[in-house]
Amino acid sequence: QVQLVESGGGLVQAGGSLRLSCAASGSIFSINAMGWYPQAPGKQRELVAGIRSGGSRNYADFVKGRFTISRDNAKNTLYLQMSSLKPEDTAVYYCRETSATGDYWGQGTQVTVSS
């Protein structure tokens, strides 16, 4: 079955950087769209960065210029490079894989940005 495992979260000061990873297995990773969805307490998950199989990317306005999404199809891994982090970026970050058989989610990784 499809499995997604996020890693790379942690505690960082405002202005700092983190790189999240999402390792995928059980799917044809290279042909599927992928995305990162943070969820803060009491809020819904929302897409902040997405990448299609062909490599085209889209970002939420509030992360443009700060976050970069990328993928390594040879390693079946999705990345999110986050810089200039703000306290409001604090959330559990989930990766999502959209395939012909459905949507799949990882367990999330906590990102905490202190002021």
Protein backbone atom coordinates (compact mmCIF):
# COMPACT_ATOMS: atom_id res chain seq x y z
CA GLN A 1 0.00 0.00 0.00
CA VAL A 2 1.02 3.63 -0.35
CA GLN A 3 2.98 5.02 2.56
CA LEU A 4 4.24 8.55 3.10
CA VAL A 5 6.66 9.36 5.90
CA GLU A 6 7.50 12.97 6.72
CA SER A 7 10.60 14.06 8.58
CA GLY A 8 12.69 17.15 9.22
CA GLY A 9 10.41 19.12 11.49
CA GLY A 10 11.57 20.69 14.71
CA LEU A 11 11.90 23.84 16.76
CA VAL A 12 13.50 26.85 15.09
CA GLN A 13 13.74 30.54 15.85
CA ALA A 14 11.97 33.09 13.70
CA GLY A 15 14.03 33.84 10.63
CA GLY A 16 15.49 30.35 10.60
CA SER A 17 15.23 27.54 8.08
CA LEU A 18 14.12 23.94 7.94
CA ARG A 19 13.99 21.30 5.23
CA LEU A 20 11.16 18.81 5.33
CA SER A 21 11.22 15.47 3.54
CA CYS A 22 8.46 13.07 2.58
CA ALA A 23 9.52 9.57 1.60
CA ALA A 24 6.98 7.70 -0.51
CA SER A 25 6.60 3.99 -1.12
CA GLY A 26 4.04 1.72 -2.75
CA SER A 27 3.14 4.09 -5.57
CA ILE A 28 4.37 5.27 -8.94
CA PHE A 29 5.71 8.40 -7.32
CA SER A 30 7.06 10.03 -10.47
CA ILE A 31 3.66 10.38 -12.14
CA ASN A 32 1.74 11.74 -9.17
CA ALA A 33 1.15 15.26 -7.97
CA MET A 34 2.46 16.03 -4.50
CA GLY A 35 1.84 18.79 -1.99
CA TRP A 36 2.58 20.11 1.47
CA TYR A 37 -0.30 20.96 3.78
CA PRO A 38 0.31 22.53 7.18
CA GLN A 39 -2.36 22.32 9.84
CA ALA A 40 -2.25 24.61 12.83
CA PRO A 41 -4.34 23.92 15.96
CA GLY A 42 -7.97 24.74 15.32
CA LYS A 43 -7.43 25.36 11.62
CA GLN A 44 -7.97 23.36 8.46
CA ARG A 45 -5.21 21.87 6.42
CA GLU A 46 -4.35 24.09 3.47
CA LEU A 47 -2.04 23.71 0.53
CA VAL A 48 1.06 25.86 0.75
CA ALA A 49 3.12 24.24 -2.00
CA GLY A 50 2.35 21.77 -4.76
CA ILE A 51 4.35 20.13 -7.51
CA ARG A 52 3.11 18.16 -10.50
CA SER A 53 4.73 15.20 -12.17
CA GLY A 54 6.22 17.45 -14.83
CA GLY A 55 7.79 19.67 -12.21
CA SER A 56 5.49 22.70 -12.36
CA ARG A 57 5.01 24.29 -8.94
CA ASN A 58 2.44 26.43 -7.21
CA TYR A 59 2.60 28.24 -3.89
CA ALA A 60 0.27 30.00 -1.51
CA ASP A 61 0.90 33.73 -1.64
CA PHE A 62 2.08 33.92 1.96
CA VAL A 63 4.97 31.51 1.38
CA LYS A 64 6.14 32.73 -2.02
CA GLY A 65 9.79 33.64 -1.87
CA ARG A 66 10.26 31.77 1.42
CA PHE A 67 9.36 28.14 0.65
CA THR A 68 10.58 25.94 -2.19
CA ILE A 69 9.05 22.60 -3.07
CA SER A 70 11.02 20.00 -4.98
CA ARG A 71 11.00 16.30 -5.72
CA ASP A 72 13.56 13.61 -6.41
CA ASN A 73 11.82 10.93 -8.42
CA ALA A 74 14.84 8.64 -8.24
CA LYS A 75 14.52 8.64 -4.45
CA ASN A 76 10.70 8.81 -4.32
CA THR A 77 11.06 11.80 -2.03
CA LEU A 78 9.36 15.16 -1.78
CA TYR A 79 11.02 18.15 -0.12
CA LEU A 80 10.04 21.51 1.28
CA GLN A 81 12.81 24.00 1.91
CA MET A 82 11.51 26.64 4.29
CA SER A 83 13.38 29.84 5.06
CA SER A 84 12.63 33.13 6.79
CA LEU A 85 10.28 31.19 9.03
CA LYS A 86 7.69 33.06 11.04
CA PRO A 87 5.82 32.07 14.21
CA GLU A 88 2.65 31.81 12.14
CA ASP A 89 4.26 29.01 10.13
CA THR A 90 3.96 26.81 13.23
CA ALA A 91 1.90 23.73 12.33
CA VAL A 92 1.99 20.04 11.66
CA TYR A 93 3.10 19.67 8.06
CA TYR A 94 1.56 16.85 6.05
CA CYS A 95 2.51 15.66 2.61
CA ARG A 96 -0.15 14.47 0.22
CA GLU A 97 0.13 12.29 -2.86
CA THR A 98 -2.62 12.47 -5.45
CA SER A 99 -2.83 9.39 -7.66
CA ALA A 100 -5.29 7.64 -9.94
CA THR A 101 -6.28 5.42 -7.00
CA GLY A 102 -6.87 8.25 -4.56
CA ASP A 103 -5.24 10.69 -2.18
CA TYR A 104 -2.75 9.59 0.42
CA TRP A 105 -1.41 11.39 3.50
CA GLY A 106 1.54 11.00 5.76
CA GLN A 107 1.45 11.22 9.55
CA GLY A 108 2.84 14.74 9.63
CA THR A 109 5.88 16.41 11.12
CA GLN A 110 5.70 19.22 13.68
CA VAL A 111 7.25 22.58 12.85
CA THR A 112 7.44 25.09 15.67
CA VAL A 113 8.79 28.59 15.10
CA SER A 114 9.58 30.60 18.20
CA SER A 115 9.55 34.38 18.28
